[in-house]
């Protein structure tokens, strides 16, 4: 009962096994989208970036080079910006870039929550300015 699925590259083979879907990443993602009538699937791949798949789009973006302090909260940060992108009707490419970028920035701090609200200012600006 979902329109959007967000999972990471470690969860993907588990889901594929549970759903008995053979094949590589692309085959599994496309089959999941079609079988479960999902509008969008977001796959995060750590430093390898992320991918968005819909009926019309299959976009990938490598992860930006950052010095990782901690990965706690990165998936939640990505999911938050994915939701914002959907609600604000950003293009898949813009959503992908902003979600990947924000998750990467979270990885540069210890813990999931920054010490200062200023950390969020770049994404607030993007939300105010739209695409």
Protein backbone atom coordinates (compact mmCIF):
# COMPACT_ATOMS: atom_id res chain seq x y z
CA UNK A 1 0.00 0.00 0.00
CA UNK A 2 2.67 2.46 -1.08
CA UNK A 3 3.44 4.61 -4.08
CA UNK A 4 7.11 5.22 -3.26
CA UNK A 5 9.78 2.81 -2.04
CA UNK A 6 13.14 3.92 -0.66
CA UNK A 7 15.73 1.27 0.07
CA UNK A 8 19.49 0.93 0.15
CA UNK A 9 21.84 -1.37 -1.72
CA UNK A 10 22.09 -3.74 1.25
CA UNK A 11 18.31 -4.04 1.53
CA UNK A 12 17.77 -4.60 -2.20
CA UNK A 13 19.01 -8.23 -2.36
CA UNK A 14 17.00 -9.08 0.76
CA UNK A 15 13.82 -7.65 -0.77
CA UNK A 16 14.58 -9.39 -4.07
CA UNK A 17 14.97 -12.70 -2.26
CA UNK A 18 11.81 -12.26 -0.21
CA UNK A 19 9.84 -11.33 -3.34
CA UNK A 20 11.55 -14.03 -5.41
CA UNK A 21 12.76 -11.58 -8.02
CA UNK A 22 15.81 -12.75 -9.97
CA UNK A 23 18.35 -10.59 -11.72
CA UNK A 24 20.61 -7.67 -11.15
CA UNK A 25 19.86 -4.23 -9.73
CA UNK A 26 17.99 -2.89 -12.76
CA UNK A 27 15.89 -6.01 -13.24
CA UNK A 28 14.92 -6.13 -9.58
CA UNK A 29 14.05 -2.44 -9.40
CA UNK A 30 11.95 -2.53 -12.57
CA UNK A 31 10.16 -5.70 -11.49
CA UNK A 32 9.42 -4.26 -8.03
CA UNK A 33 8.05 -1.09 -9.58
CA UNK A 34 5.83 -2.97 -12.01
CA UNK A 35 4.70 -5.81 -9.72
CA UNK A 36 3.80 -3.51 -6.83
CA UNK A 37 2.59 -0.61 -9.00
CA UNK A 38 5.03 1.81 -7.44
CA UNK A 39 5.29 5.30 -8.86
CA UNK A 40 8.87 5.74 -7.74
CA UNK A 41 11.74 3.72 -6.29
CA UNK A 42 14.75 5.40 -4.70
CA UNK A 43 17.86 3.30 -4.19
CA UNK A 44 20.71 4.67 -2.09
CA UNK A 45 24.17 3.19 -2.55
CA UNK A 46 26.38 4.97 -0.01
CA UNK A 47 29.45 6.53 -1.57
CA UNK A 48 28.31 5.12 -4.93
CA UNK A 49 25.41 7.60 -4.97
CA UNK A 50 21.75 6.92 -5.61
CA UNK A 51 19.18 6.14 -8.24
CA UNK A 52 15.54 7.03 -8.94
CA UNK A 53 13.31 4.88 -11.11
CA UNK A 54 9.79 5.65 -12.30
CA UNK A 55 7.82 4.71 -15.38
CA UNK A 56 9.48 7.60 -17.26
CA UNK A 57 12.80 8.04 -15.48
CA UNK A 58 15.87 6.05 -14.56
CA UNK A 59 18.36 8.55 -13.16
CA UNK A 60 21.58 7.85 -11.28
CA UNK A 61 23.97 10.18 -9.53
CA UNK A 62 27.36 9.32 -8.03
CA UNK A 63 27.89 10.30 -4.43
CA UNK A 64 29.87 13.48 -3.89
CA UNK A 65 33.35 13.06 -2.45
CA UNK A 66 33.06 13.86 1.25
CA UNK A 67 35.00 12.97 4.35
CA UNK A 68 32.64 10.66 6.20
CA UNK A 69 32.44 11.19 9.95
CA UNK A 70 29.32 9.08 10.55
CA UNK A 71 26.60 7.58 8.35
CA UNK A 72 23.90 7.67 11.04
CA UNK A 73 20.96 9.64 9.71
CA UNK A 74 22.00 9.63 6.06
CA UNK A 75 19.11 7.41 4.95
CA UNK A 76 16.61 9.52 6.86
CA UNK A 77 18.09 12.71 5.39
CA UNK A 78 17.77 11.24 1.90
CA UNK A 79 14.18 10.13 2.53
CA UNK A 80 13.27 13.58 3.88
CA UNK A 81 14.54 15.34 0.76
CA UNK A 82 12.94 12.70 -1.45
CA UNK A 83 9.59 13.53 0.18
CA UNK A 84 10.20 17.27 -0.19
CA UNK A 85 11.07 16.79 -3.86
CA UNK A 86 7.89 14.84 -4.49
CA UNK A 87 5.72 17.37 -2.64
CA UNK A 88 7.36 20.35 -4.32
CA UNK A 89 7.23 18.63 -7.72
CA UNK A 90 10.95 18.96 -8.35
CA UNK A 91 12.17 17.05 -11.38
CA UNK A 92 13.60 13.60 -10.66
CA UNK A 93 17.10 14.88 -11.44
CA UNK A 94 16.77 17.83 -9.01
CA UNK A 95 15.25 15.60 -6.33
CA UNK A 96 18.03 13.05 -6.79
CA UNK A 97 20.75 15.69 -6.59
CA UNK A 98 19.32 17.41 -3.52
CA UNK A 99 18.55 14.21 -1.63
CA UNK A 100 21.98 12.76 -2.39
CA UNK A 101 23.68 16.02 -1.51
CA UNK A 102 21.86 16.42 1.80
CA UNK A 103 22.50 12.82 2.82
CA UNK A 104 26.18 13.28 1.98
CA UNK A 105 26.34 16.44 4.10
CA UNK A 106 24.82 14.56 7.06
CA UNK A 107 27.65 12.03 6.70
CA UNK A 108 30.19 14.79 7.38
CA UNK A 109 29.01 15.30 10.98
CA UNK A 110 29.00 13.09 14.05
CA UNK A 111 25.49 11.80 14.70
CA UNK A 112 22.32 12.42 12.75
CA UNK A 113 21.53 15.94 13.92
CA UNK A 114 23.76 18.97 13.35
CA UNK A 115 24.72 21.21 16.25
CA UNK A 116 23.54 24.33 14.45
CA UNK A 117 20.38 25.21 12.56
CA UNK A 118 22.65 26.95 10.03
CA UNK A 119 23.49 23.50 8.68
CA UNK A 120 20.01 23.40 7.12
CA UNK A 121 20.18 26.83 5.48
CA UNK A 122 21.30 25.60 2.01
CA UNK A 123 18.35 23.22 1.75
CA UNK A 124 15.95 25.82 3.15
CA UNK A 125 17.10 28.18 0.41
CA UNK A 126 16.54 25.50 -2.23
CA UNK A 127 13.04 24.90 -0.87
CA UNK A 128 12.24 28.64 -0.90
CA UNK A 129 13.64 29.16 -4.39
CA UNK A 130 12.00 26.08 -5.92
CA UNK A 131 13.77 24.46 -8.90
